[in-house]
Amino acid sequence: MIELFAFCLICYGATQIICFGNILDKVRPTKGWVGKLLSCPMCTGFWVGAGVSTQYQVDLLSDYIPVDMILHGFISSGICYFFGMLVNDYGLKVICIGEKQ
């Protein structure tokens, strides 16, 4: 279980850096389909999870590497989206019911 937790943290951190890190501002595309992909934590999280799964094996799923890559991509995408909705640069997002964003 600790392996899955570490996998999720690795994917979330890498996705945040790829999508929002200032260090990549000069090289990160902003237009076209690649720009859309790299501005979306859910989309980028999928591909980060699929890539990380090739190097970091979490023995919870199948023994077939392509299936593992897809399943790990789904896990990573969901985690990155969830934490992206929960946390921002200022800490936990707190929105009162009835308040407009």
N, C-alpha and C. Protein backbone atom coordinates (compact mmCIF):
# COMPACT_ATOMS: atom_id res chain seq x y z
N MET A 1 0.82 -1.20 0.00
CA MET A 1 0.00 0.00 0.00
C MET A 1 0.86 1.26 0.00
N ILE A 2 2.00 1.19 0.69
CA ILE A 2 2.91 2.34 0.72
C ILE A 2 3.46 2.63 -0.67
N GLU A 3 3.59 1.58 -1.49
CA GLU A 3 4.06 1.77 -2.86
C GLU A 3 3.06 2.58 -3.68
N LEU A 4 1.78 2.31 -3.49
CA LEU A 4 0.75 3.05 -4.21
C LEU A 4 0.73 4.51 -3.75
N PHE A 5 0.87 4.74 -2.46
CA PHE A 5 0.90 6.10 -1.93
C PHE A 5 2.09 6.87 -2.51
N ALA A 6 3.27 6.24 -2.53
CA ALA A 6 4.46 6.88 -3.09
C ALA A 6 4.27 7.15 -4.58
N PHE A 7 3.69 6.20 -5.31
CA PHE A 7 3.41 6.38 -6.73
C PHE A 7 2.52 7.60 -6.96
N CYS A 8 1.46 7.73 -6.16
CA CYS A 8 0.53 8.85 -6.30
C CYS A 8 1.22 10.18 -6.02
N LEU A 9 2.07 10.23 -5.00
CA LEU A 9 2.80 11.46 -4.69
C LEU A 9 3.77 11.83 -5.81
N ILE A 10 4.47 10.85 -6.34
CA ILE A 10 5.40 11.09 -7.44
C ILE A 10 4.65 11.66 -8.65
N CYS A 11 3.54 11.03 -9.00
CA CYS A 11 2.76 11.49 -10.16
C CYS A 11 2.17 12.87 -9.93
N TYR A 12 1.66 13.13 -8.73
CA TYR A 12 1.08 14.44 -8.45
C TYR A 12 2.15 15.53 -8.53
N GLY A 13 3.29 15.29 -7.92
CA GLY A 13 4.37 16.28 -7.95
C GLY A 13 4.86 16.54 -9.36
N ALA A 14 5.09 15.49 -10.12
CA ALA A 14 5.56 15.66 -11.50
C ALA A 14 4.53 16.39 -12.35
N THR A 15 3.26 16.06 -12.18
CA THR A 15 2.21 16.71 -12.95
C THR A 15 2.11 18.19 -12.61
N GLN A 16 2.20 18.53 -11.33
CA GLN A 16 2.14 19.94 -10.93
C GLN A 16 3.30 20.72 -11.55
N ILE A 17 4.49 20.15 -11.54
CA ILE A 17 5.65 20.83 -12.12
C ILE A 17 5.47 21.00 -13.63
N ILE A 18 5.02 19.95 -14.30
CA ILE A 18 4.84 20.03 -15.75
C ILE A 18 3.76 21.04 -16.12
N CYS A 19 2.64 21.05 -15.40
CA CYS A 19 1.53 21.94 -15.74
C CYS A 19 1.73 23.38 -15.27
N PHE A 20 2.32 23.56 -14.09
CA PHE A 20 2.30 24.88 -13.48
C PHE A 20 3.66 25.41 -13.05
N GLY A 21 4.72 24.61 -13.14
CA GLY A 21 6.03 25.04 -12.67
C GLY A 21 6.60 26.20 -13.48
N ASN A 22 7.05 27.23 -12.78
CA ASN A 22 7.63 28.40 -13.44
C ASN A 22 8.88 28.06 -14.23
N ILE A 23 9.60 27.04 -13.80
CA ILE A 23 10.85 26.67 -14.46
C ILE A 23 10.62 26.23 -15.91
N LEU A 24 9.41 25.77 -16.22
CA LEU A 24 9.11 25.30 -17.58
C LEU A 24 8.34 26.32 -18.42
N ASP A 25 8.12 27.53 -17.89
CA ASP A 25 7.33 28.54 -18.61
C ASP A 25 7.87 28.84 -20.01
N LYS A 26 9.17 28.87 -20.18
CA LYS A 26 9.75 29.23 -21.48
C LYS A 26 9.68 28.12 -22.51
N VAL A 27 9.56 26.87 -22.06
CA VAL A 27 9.54 25.76 -23.01
C VAL A 27 8.18 25.06 -23.11
N ARG A 28 7.27 25.36 -22.20
CA ARG A 28 5.95 24.72 -22.21
C ARG A 28 5.08 25.35 -23.30
N PRO A 29 4.59 24.55 -24.25
CA PRO A 29 3.69 25.10 -25.28
C PRO A 29 2.39 25.58 -24.64
N THR A 30 1.81 26.63 -25.20
CA THR A 30 0.54 27.16 -24.69
C THR A 30 -0.58 27.07 -25.71
N LYS A 31 -0.25 26.74 -26.95
CA LYS A 31 -1.26 26.67 -28.00
C LYS A 31 -1.30 25.27 -28.61
N GLY A 32 -2.39 24.99 -29.29
CA GLY A 32 -2.55 23.70 -29.94
C GLY A 32 -2.92 22.61 -28.95
N TRP A 33 -2.96 21.36 -29.44
CA TRP A 33 -3.39 20.26 -28.58
C TRP A 33 -2.37 19.96 -27.50
N VAL A 34 -1.08 20.18 -27.77
CA VAL A 34 -0.07 19.96 -26.73
C VAL A 34 -0.22 20.99 -25.62
N GLY A 35 -0.52 22.23 -25.98
CA GLY A 35 -0.76 23.27 -24.98
C GLY A 35 -1.96 22.94 -24.11
N LYS A 36 -3.03 22.43 -24.73
CA LYS A 36 -4.21 22.02 -23.97
C LYS A 36 -3.87 20.86 -23.04
N LEU A 37 -3.12 19.90 -23.55
CA LEU A 37 -2.74 18.74 -22.74
C LEU A 37 -1.93 19.16 -21.53
N LEU A 38 -0.96 20.04 -21.73
CA LEU A 38 -0.06 20.42 -20.65
C LEU A 38 -0.66 21.44 -19.69
N SER A 39 -1.84 21.95 -19.98
CA SER A 39 -2.50 22.85 -19.05
C SER A 39 -3.57 22.14 -18.23
N CYS A 40 -3.76 20.87 -18.48
CA CYS A 40 -4.79 20.09 -17.80
C CYS A 40 -4.15 19.04 -16.89
N PRO A 41 -4.27 19.19 -15.56
CA PRO A 41 -3.68 18.20 -14.66
C PRO A 41 -4.25 16.79 -14.83
N MET A 42 -5.51 16.69 -15.23
CA MET A 42 -6.10 15.37 -15.43
C MET A 42 -5.47 14.67 -16.63
N CYS A 43 -5.30 15.40 -17.72
CA CYS A 43 -4.72 14.84 -18.95
C CYS A 43 -3.23 14.53 -18.76
N THR A 44 -2.51 15.52 -18.25
CA THR A 44 -1.08 15.33 -18.03
C THR A 44 -0.85 14.24 -17.00
N GLY A 45 -1.69 14.20 -15.97
CA GLY A 45 -1.57 13.17 -14.93
C GLY A 45 -1.67 11.76 -15.48
N PHE A 46 -2.53 11.57 -16.49
CA PHE A 46 -2.64 10.25 -17.10
C PHE A 46 -1.31 9.82 -17.71
N TRP A 47 -0.73 10.72 -18.52
CA TRP A 47 0.50 10.36 -19.21
C TRP A 47 1.69 10.26 -18.26
N VAL A 48 1.70 11.08 -17.23
CA VAL A 48 2.75 10.96 -16.21
C VAL A 48 2.63 9.61 -15.51
N GLY A 49 1.42 9.23 -15.14
CA GLY A 49 1.20 7.93 -14.48
C GLY A 49 1.60 6.76 -15.36
N ALA A 50 1.27 6.84 -16.65
CA ALA A 50 1.64 5.77 -17.57
C ALA A 50 3.16 5.69 -17.71
N GLY A 51 3.82 6.84 -17.77
CA GLY A 51 5.28 6.85 -17.89
C GLY A 51 5.96 6.39 -16.62
N VAL A 52 5.50 6.87 -15.49
CA VAL A 52 6.12 6.49 -14.20
C VAL A 52 5.93 4.99 -13.96
N SER A 53 4.82 4.43 -14.40
CA SER A 53 4.57 3.00 -14.16
C SER A 53 5.59 2.11 -14.86
N THR A 54 6.25 2.62 -15.91
CA THR A 54 7.26 1.80 -16.57
C THR A 54 8.53 1.69 -15.74
N GLN A 55 8.74 2.65 -14.83
CA GLN A 55 9.95 2.65 -14.00
C GLN A 55 9.67 2.28 -12.54
N TYR A 56 8.48 2.55 -12.08
CA TYR A 56 8.12 2.37 -10.68
C TYR A 56 6.99 1.36 -10.62
N GLN A 57 7.30 0.13 -10.32
CA GLN A 57 6.29 -0.91 -10.35
C GLN A 57 5.49 -0.97 -9.05
N VAL A 58 4.17 -0.85 -9.18
CA VAL A 58 3.25 -1.00 -8.06
C VAL A 58 2.55 -2.33 -8.30
N ASP A 59 2.82 -3.30 -7.47
CA ASP A 59 2.31 -4.66 -7.69
C ASP A 59 0.90 -4.84 -7.16
N LEU A 60 -0.03 -4.04 -7.68
CA LEU A 60 -1.41 -4.17 -7.27
C LEU A 60 -2.32 -4.56 -8.42
N LEU A 61 -1.83 -4.45 -9.62
CA LEU A 61 -2.70 -4.62 -10.77
C LEU A 61 -2.28 -5.85 -11.58
N SER A 62 -2.32 -5.77 -12.88
CA SER A 62 -2.02 -6.93 -13.72
C SER A 62 -0.52 -7.14 -13.87
N ASP A 63 -0.16 -8.24 -14.49
CA ASP A 63 1.25 -8.51 -14.78
C ASP A 63 1.59 -8.16 -16.23
N TYR A 64 0.66 -7.60 -16.94
CA TYR A 64 0.84 -7.25 -18.35
C TYR A 64 1.14 -5.75 -18.43
N ILE A 65 2.34 -5.39 -18.86
CA ILE A 65 2.83 -4.01 -18.78
C ILE A 65 1.92 -2.99 -19.48
N PRO A 66 1.43 -3.23 -20.71
CA PRO A 66 0.55 -2.21 -21.32
C PRO A 66 -0.73 -1.96 -20.52
N VAL A 67 -1.30 -3.00 -19.94
CA VAL A 67 -2.49 -2.84 -19.12
C VAL A 67 -2.13 -2.07 -17.85
N ASP A 68 -1.00 -2.39 -17.24
CA ASP A 68 -0.53 -1.66 -16.05
C ASP A 68 -0.36 -0.18 -16.36
N MET A 69 0.21 0.14 -17.50
CA MET A 69 0.43 1.54 -17.87
C MET A 69 -0.90 2.29 -17.95
N ILE A 70 -1.89 1.69 -18.56
CA ILE A 70 -3.20 2.33 -18.69
C ILE A 70 -3.86 2.48 -17.33
N LEU A 71 -3.85 1.42 -16.52
CA LEU A 71 -4.49 1.48 -15.21
C LEU A 71 -3.78 2.48 -14.28
N HIS A 72 -2.46 2.49 -14.32
CA HIS A 72 -1.72 3.46 -13.51
C HIS A 72 -1.98 4.89 -14.01
N GLY A 73 -2.14 5.04 -15.31
CA GLY A 73 -2.50 6.35 -15.86
C GLY A 73 -3.83 6.82 -15.33
N PHE A 74 -4.81 5.92 -15.24
CA PHE A 74 -6.12 6.29 -14.69
C PHE A 74 -6.02 6.68 -13.22
N ILE A 75 -5.26 5.91 -12.45
CA ILE A 75 -5.08 6.22 -11.03
C ILE A 75 -4.43 7.60 -10.88
N SER A 76 -3.37 7.83 -11.62
CA SER A 76 -2.65 9.09 -11.54
C SER A 76 -3.53 10.26 -11.97
N SER A 77 -4.29 10.09 -13.03
CA SER A 77 -5.17 11.14 -13.51
C SER A 77 -6.19 11.53 -12.45
N GLY A 78 -6.79 10.55 -11.83
CA GLY A 78 -7.78 10.81 -10.79
C GLY A 78 -7.18 11.49 -9.58
N ILE A 79 -6.01 11.04 -9.15
CA ILE A 79 -5.33 11.64 -7.99
C ILE A 79 -4.94 13.09 -8.30
N CYS A 80 -4.38 13.31 -9.47
CA CYS A 80 -3.95 14.67 -9.84
C CYS A 80 -5.14 15.61 -9.93
N TYR A 81 -6.26 15.14 -10.46
CA TYR A 81 -7.45 15.98 -10.54
C TYR A 81 -7.99 16.25 -9.14
N PHE A 82 -8.10 15.22 -8.32
CA PHE A 82 -8.64 15.37 -6.96
C PHE A 82 -7.82 16.37 -6.16
N PHE A 83 -6.52 16.19 -6.12
CA PHE A 83 -5.68 17.10 -5.34
C PHE A 83 -5.62 18.50 -5.97
N GLY A 84 -5.73 18.57 -7.29
CA GLY A 84 -5.78 19.87 -7.95
C GLY A 84 -7.03 20.66 -7.59
N MET A 85 -8.13 19.95 -7.35
CA MET A 85 -9.37 20.61 -6.92
C MET A 85 -9.35 20.93 -5.43
N LEU A 86 -8.53 20.23 -4.67
CA LEU A 86 -8.49 20.38 -3.22
C LEU A 86 -7.50 21.44 -2.75
N VAL A 87 -6.39 21.58 -3.49
CA VAL A 87 -5.29 22.44 -3.04
C VAL A 87 -4.92 23.42 -4.17
N ASN A 88 -4.57 24.66 -3.78
CA ASN A 88 -4.01 25.60 -4.74
C ASN A 88 -2.74 26.20 -4.16
N ASP A 89 -2.23 27.25 -4.75
CA ASP A 89 -0.97 27.85 -4.29
C ASP A 89 -1.05 28.41 -2.88
N TYR A 90 -2.26 28.65 -2.40
CA TYR A 90 -2.44 29.27 -1.09
C TYR A 90 -2.84 28.27 -0.01
N GLY A 91 -2.87 26.99 -0.33
CA GLY A 91 -3.26 25.97 0.63
C GLY A 91 -4.56 25.30 0.20
N LEU A 92 -5.35 24.87 1.17
CA LEU A 92 -6.62 24.22 0.88
C LEU A 92 -7.61 25.21 0.29
N LYS A 93 -8.32 24.78 -0.75
CA LYS A 93 -9.37 25.62 -1.33
C LYS A 93 -10.61 25.49 -0.45
N VAL A 94 -11.12 26.64 -0.02
CA VAL A 94 -12.33 26.65 0.78
C VAL A 94 -13.34 27.54 0.07
N ILE A 95 -14.43 26.94 -0.37
CA ILE A 95 -15.46 27.70 -1.06
C ILE A 95 -16.77 27.50 -0.29
N CYS A 96 -17.39 28.59 0.08
CA CYS A 96 -18.67 28.53 0.79
C CYS A 96 -19.78 28.24 -0.20
N ILE A 97 -20.77 27.51 0.22
CA ILE A 97 -21.92 27.20 -0.64
C ILE A 97 -22.63 28.49 -0.99
N GLY A 98 -22.92 28.67 -2.26
CA GLY A 98 -23.59 29.86 -2.73
C GLY A 98 -22.63 30.95 -3.16
N GLU A 99 -21.35 30.77 -2.90
CA GLU A 99 -20.34 31.77 -3.27
C GLU A 99 -19.84 31.48 -4.67
N LYS A 100 -19.73 32.50 -5.49
CA LYS A 100 -19.21 32.32 -6.85
C LYS A 100 -17.70 32.32 -6.81
N GLN A 101 -17.11 31.52 -7.71
CA GLN A 101 -15.66 31.44 -7.76
C GLN A 101 -15.07 32.60 -8.51
